Amino acid sequence: MKPSHHQSAFTLVELMIAMILSIVLFAAISQVYLGSKQAFNSKNAQSRIQENGRFAITLLRRNLLNAGAGLLSYSDRPVIARGIHPEDARDDLFAEYWAPTDISQCDDGLIIFKDQLFRVFFRIDEDESGNPGLFCSSNKYDEGVMLVDGVEHMRIRLAIDKSAKLDHSKNLAYRSSSDIYASSEEDNVYAVHIALLVRSPKAILRQDSQQHYQLFDISIDKNDRYTRQLFFTTIPLRNRML
């Protein structure tokens, strides 16, 4: 008589239980992965926003601190801020001064030599792909290059009181450029208060998010998947504070 060989197999119930456990385990691992990826993307985006915001502030500060240097009189306006699109907080900023050293123009790389008049224009615009940024041009307005990407909005207020405290919490010390120009006080600007709204390079949020930002007197509402941050700075025109 031949010996019998008994083979055991998984039952249908056992297979279903194993499948369910596998699905639950996979879902848990996927959730952890997606959470880690979201945290990494958020941290990376915040770092880029901080980097771009600080660089934009540094760039504006460097030029505005020199504004007015070498100009012959107060009738030479060292800074002009124009509210071209005030409802959208996309002001433009112009500064001029006699170059303290040899300076490379931001748009074409030409050198403005020491003790020559240097003019620089800053504005918010978009590149060919529709990405916003801070644009810079020298001695002309409608051209230039993007120096800082992600800058969506720039709102500017000007201080005309020499004794005003340079503190953005003292709102009454500053007025919009349109108000100052309407009252013909643009020759007496002593400080510039700037607000920048900078967004992340990519849309990283999982879904559209309603966001509200206040750039001085202008409210900006967004509803998308980008993350953003506001930056404020007050820059005295040292060549007018003397």
Protein backbone atom coordinates (compact mmCIF):
# COMPACT_ATOMS: atom_id res chain seq x y z
CA MET A 1 0.00 0.00 0.00
CA LYS A 2 1.33 3.42 -0.98
CA PRO A 3 1.75 5.97 1.81
CA SER A 4 -0.65 8.93 1.63
CA HIS A 5 0.79 12.45 1.24
CA HIS A 6 -1.34 15.09 2.98
CA GLN A 7 -1.00 18.65 1.56
CA SER A 8 -2.41 21.58 3.49
CA ALA A 9 -3.45 24.80 1.64
CA PHE A 10 -4.64 28.27 2.57
CA THR A 11 -8.33 28.55 2.78
CA LEU A 12 -10.22 31.33 0.99
CA VAL A 13 -10.85 33.09 4.30
CA GLU A 14 -7.15 33.06 5.15
CA LEU A 15 -6.25 34.50 1.72
CA MET A 16 -8.79 37.26 2.13
CA ILE A 17 -7.46 38.13 5.60
CA ALA A 18 -3.89 38.22 4.27
CA MET A 19 -4.98 40.45 1.37
CA ILE A 20 -6.77 42.85 3.70
CA LEU A 21 -3.75 43.05 6.00
CA SER A 22 -1.49 43.75 3.01
CA ILE A 23 -3.77 46.53 1.82
CA VAL A 24 -3.89 48.11 5.29
CA LEU A 25 -0.10 47.88 5.63
CA PHE A 26 0.43 49.38 2.17
CA ALA A 27 -1.98 52.22 2.93
CA ALA A 28 -0.17 52.98 6.18
CA ILE A 29 3.23 53.00 4.48
CA SER A 30 1.86 55.20 1.67
CA GLN A 31 0.42 57.64 4.19
CA VAL A 32 3.75 57.90 6.00
CA TYR A 33 5.55 58.41 2.69
CA LEU A 34 3.14 61.07 1.49
CA GLY A 35 3.33 62.85 4.84
CA SER A 36 7.12 62.83 4.76
CA LYS A 37 7.15 64.07 1.18
CA GLN A 38 4.70 66.85 2.01
CA ALA A 39 6.79 67.90 5.01
CA PHE A 40 9.96 67.90 2.89
CA ASN A 41 8.31 69.92 0.10
CA SER A 42 6.89 72.38 2.62
CA LYS A 43 10.24 72.87 4.34
CA ASN A 44 12.04 73.23 1.02
CA ALA A 45 9.47 75.73 -0.25
CA GLN A 46 9.72 77.77 2.95
CA SER A 47 13.50 77.85 2.61
CA ARG A 48 13.21 79.11 -0.97
CA ILE A 49 10.70 81.76 0.06
CA GLN A 50 12.99 82.94 2.86
CA GLU A 51 15.98 83.00 0.54
CA ASN A 52 14.18 84.92 -2.20
CA GLY A 53 12.58 87.35 0.23
CA ARG A 54 15.86 88.16 1.97
CA PHE A 55 17.68 88.56 -1.32
CA ALA A 56 15.01 90.90 -2.69
CA ILE A 57 15.15 93.03 0.47
CA THR A 58 18.96 93.12 0.35
CA LEU A 59 18.91 94.13 -3.31
CA LEU A 60 16.43 96.95 -2.74
CA ARG A 61 18.19 98.13 0.40
CA ARG A 62 21.60 98.29 -1.28
CA ASN A 63 20.30 100.54 -4.05
CA LEU A 64 18.07 102.72 -1.87
CA LEU A 65 20.81 103.36 0.68
CA ASN A 66 22.85 104.85 -2.16
CA ALA A 67 19.91 106.80 -3.58
CA GLY A 68 20.66 110.47 -3.92
CA ALA A 69 24.41 110.13 -3.50
CA GLY A 70 26.16 112.81 -5.51
CA LEU A 71 22.98 114.58 -6.61
CA LEU A 72 23.38 118.32 -6.63
CA SER A 73 20.23 119.42 -4.86
CA TYR A 74 16.95 118.33 -3.33
CA SER A 75 15.31 119.00 -6.68
CA ASP A 76 17.11 115.87 -7.87
CA ARG A 77 14.76 113.12 -6.79
CA PRO A 78 16.69 110.10 -5.55
CA VAL A 79 13.64 107.81 -5.35
CA ILE A 80 10.45 107.64 -7.32
CA ALA A 81 7.76 105.09 -6.47
CA ARG A 82 4.91 104.71 -8.90
CA GLY A 83 1.64 102.95 -8.14
CA ILE A 84 1.15 101.65 -11.66
CA HIS A 85 -1.21 98.91 -10.51
CA PRO A 86 -2.24 100.04 -7.01
CA GLU A 87 -5.25 97.72 -6.82
CA ASP A 88 -2.90 94.76 -7.34
CA ALA A 89 -0.05 96.03 -5.13
CA ARG A 90 2.47 96.03 -7.96
CA ASP A 91 4.25 99.31 -7.42
CA ASP A 92 7.37 100.29 -9.30
CA LEU A 93 10.50 101.77 -7.77
CA PHE A 94 13.16 103.97 -9.33
CA ALA A 95 16.40 105.15 -7.75
CA GLU A 96 19.38 107.07 -9.03
CA TYR A 97 22.76 108.02 -7.65
CA TRP A 98 26.34 108.64 -8.69
CA ALA A 99 28.04 105.25 -8.65
CA PRO A 100 30.42 104.97 -5.67
CA THR A 101 32.28 102.18 -7.50
CA ASP A 102 32.10 100.50 -10.88
CA ILE A 103 28.62 98.91 -11.10
CA SER A 104 27.33 96.33 -13.55
CA GLN A 105 23.90 97.13 -14.95
CA CYS A 106 21.38 94.50 -14.01
CA ASP A 107 19.87 93.92 -17.45
CA ASP A 108 22.65 94.04 -20.01
CA GLY A 109 25.84 93.69 -17.97
CA LEU A 110 27.32 97.00 -19.11
CA ILE A 111 29.54 98.71 -16.58
CA ILE A 112 28.61 102.07 -15.10
CA PHE A 113 31.95 103.43 -13.99
CA LYS A 114 32.61 105.17 -10.70
CA ASP A 115 31.30 108.73 -10.46
CA GLN A 116 28.86 108.23 -13.33
CA LEU A 117 25.09 108.59 -12.89
CA PHE A 118 23.44 105.25 -12.22
CA ARG A 119 19.70 104.66 -12.59
CA VAL A 120 17.89 101.50 -11.63
CA PHE A 121 14.24 100.47 -12.01
CA PHE A 122 12.54 97.71 -10.01
CA ARG A 123 9.13 96.31 -10.84
CA ILE A 124 7.01 93.18 -10.44
CA ASP A 125 6.38 91.32 -13.68
CA GLU A 126 6.13 87.82 -15.13
CA ASP A 127 8.48 85.85 -17.34
CA GLU A 128 7.47 84.05 -20.53
CA SER A 129 6.19 81.10 -18.49
CA GLY A 130 3.98 83.30 -16.34
CA ASN A 131 6.17 83.07 -13.23
CA PRO A 132 6.21 86.28 -11.16
CA GLY A 133 9.37 87.95 -9.93
CA LEU A 134 11.24 91.14 -9.14
CA PHE A 135 12.61 92.60 -12.35
CA CYS A 136 15.46 95.07 -12.65
CA SER A 137 16.43 97.35 -15.51
CA SER A 138 18.95 100.15 -15.87
CA ASN A 139 18.22 103.50 -17.50
CA LYS A 140 15.00 102.22 -19.06
CA TYR A 141 11.68 100.93 -17.82
CA ASP A 142 10.05 98.46 -20.19
CA GLU A 143 12.89 95.94 -20.37
CA GLY A 144 15.03 94.13 -17.85
CA VAL A 145 15.75 90.79 -16.26
CA MET A 146 14.21 88.85 -13.40
CA LEU A 147 16.60 88.99 -10.45
CA VAL A 148 14.40 87.32 -7.83
CA ASP A 149 11.73 84.78 -8.72
CA GLY A 150 8.54 84.25 -6.76
CA VAL A 151 7.96 87.91 -5.80
CA GLU A 152 4.29 88.47 -6.62
CA HIS A 153 3.54 91.89 -5.15
CA MET A 154 5.40 94.99 -3.99
CA ARG A 155 3.68 97.83 -2.16
CA ILE A 156 5.56 101.01 -1.31
CA ARG A 157 4.94 103.84 1.12
CA LEU A 158 7.09 106.92 1.46
CA ALA A 159 7.98 108.99 4.52
CA ILE A 160 8.33 112.73 4.08
CA ASP A 161 8.80 113.66 7.75
CA LYS A 162 12.49 113.78 8.61
CA SER A 163 11.72 113.15 12.28
CA ALA A 164 9.46 110.13 11.64
CA LYS A 165 10.44 106.96 13.45
CA LEU A 166 11.47 104.28 10.99
CA ASP A 167 9.05 101.70 12.29
CA HIS A 168 6.45 100.05 10.06
CA SER A 169 4.03 99.90 13.01
CA LYS A 170 3.78 103.71 12.91
CA ASN A 171 1.44 103.82 9.94
CA LEU A 172 0.81 107.54 10.09
CA ALA A 173 4.45 108.28 9.33
CA TYR A 174 4.12 106.93 5.81
CA ARG A 175 1.90 107.69 2.84
CA SER A 176 1.29 106.12 -0.55
CA SER A 177 3.27 107.43 -3.48
CA SER A 178 0.10 108.66 -5.22
CA ASP A 179 -0.79 110.83 -2.19
CA ILE A 180 2.70 112.30 -2.02
CA TYR A 181 2.85 113.08 -5.72
CA ALA A 182 -0.65 114.57 -5.64
CA SER A 183 0.54 117.02 -2.99
CA SER A 184 3.86 117.68 -4.80
CA GLU A 185 5.95 116.49 -1.86
CA GLU A 186 8.03 113.92 -3.72
CA ASP A 187 11.18 116.02 -3.34
CA ASN A 188 11.08 115.55 0.44
CA VAL A 189 11.10 111.76 0.71
CA TYR A 190 13.33 110.61 3.56
CA ALA A 191 12.52 106.91 3.86
CA VAL A 192 10.90 104.09 1.92
CA HIS A 193 8.72 101.41 3.49
CA ILE A 194 8.37 98.28 1.35
CA ALA A 195 6.10 95.24 1.60
CA LEU A 196 6.80 92.16 -0.53
CA LEU A 197 4.63 89.08 -1.00
CA VAL A 198 6.74 86.08 -2.04
CA ARG A 199 5.34 82.71 -3.09
CA SER A 200 6.81 79.23 -3.32
CA PRO A 201 8.35 78.12 -6.65
CA LYS A 202 5.83 75.28 -7.00
CA ALA A 203 2.28 74.56 -5.91
CA ILE A 204 2.91 72.25 -2.95
CA LEU A 205 -0.35 72.26 -1.02
CA ARG A 206 -2.59 69.23 -1.52
CA GLN A 207 -5.57 71.38 -2.38
CA ASP A 208 -6.49 75.00 -3.00
CA SER A 209 -6.20 77.11 0.11
CA GLN A 210 -7.92 80.45 0.75
CA GLN A 211 -5.26 82.97 1.80
CA HIS A 212 -5.45 86.63 2.80
CA TYR A 213 -2.57 89.11 2.99
CA GLN A 214 -2.43 92.79 3.91
CA LEU A 215 0.20 94.92 2.19
CA PHE A 216 -0.31 98.18 4.06
CA ASP A 217 -3.51 99.57 2.57
CA ILE A 218 -4.01 96.86 -0.05
CA SER A 219 -5.66 93.49 0.60
CA ILE A 220 -4.57 90.51 -1.49
CA ASP A 221 -6.63 87.31 -1.60
CA LYS A 222 -5.35 84.06 -3.08
CA ASN A 223 -6.99 80.68 -3.57
CA ASP A 224 -4.49 78.17 -4.89
CA ARG A 225 -1.93 75.58 -3.83
CA TYR A 226 1.04 77.93 -3.39
CA THR A 227 2.42 78.90 0.01
CA ARG A 228 3.45 82.52 0.65
CA GLN A 229 5.08 84.89 3.10
CA LEU A 230 5.09 88.64 3.65
CA PHE A 231 8.31 90.61 4.05
CA PHE A 232 8.56 94.19 5.36
CA THR A 233 11.47 96.57 5.46
CA THR A 234 12.03 100.27 6.10
CA ILE A 235 14.97 101.86 4.31
CA PRO A 236 16.14 105.38 5.20
CA LEU A 237 17.60 107.45 2.40
CA ARG A 238 20.82 108.24 4.17
CA ASN A 239 21.77 110.92 1.66
CA ARG A 240 18.58 112.78 2.62
CA MET A 241 18.87 112.29 6.38
CA LEU A 242 22.00 114.43 6.68
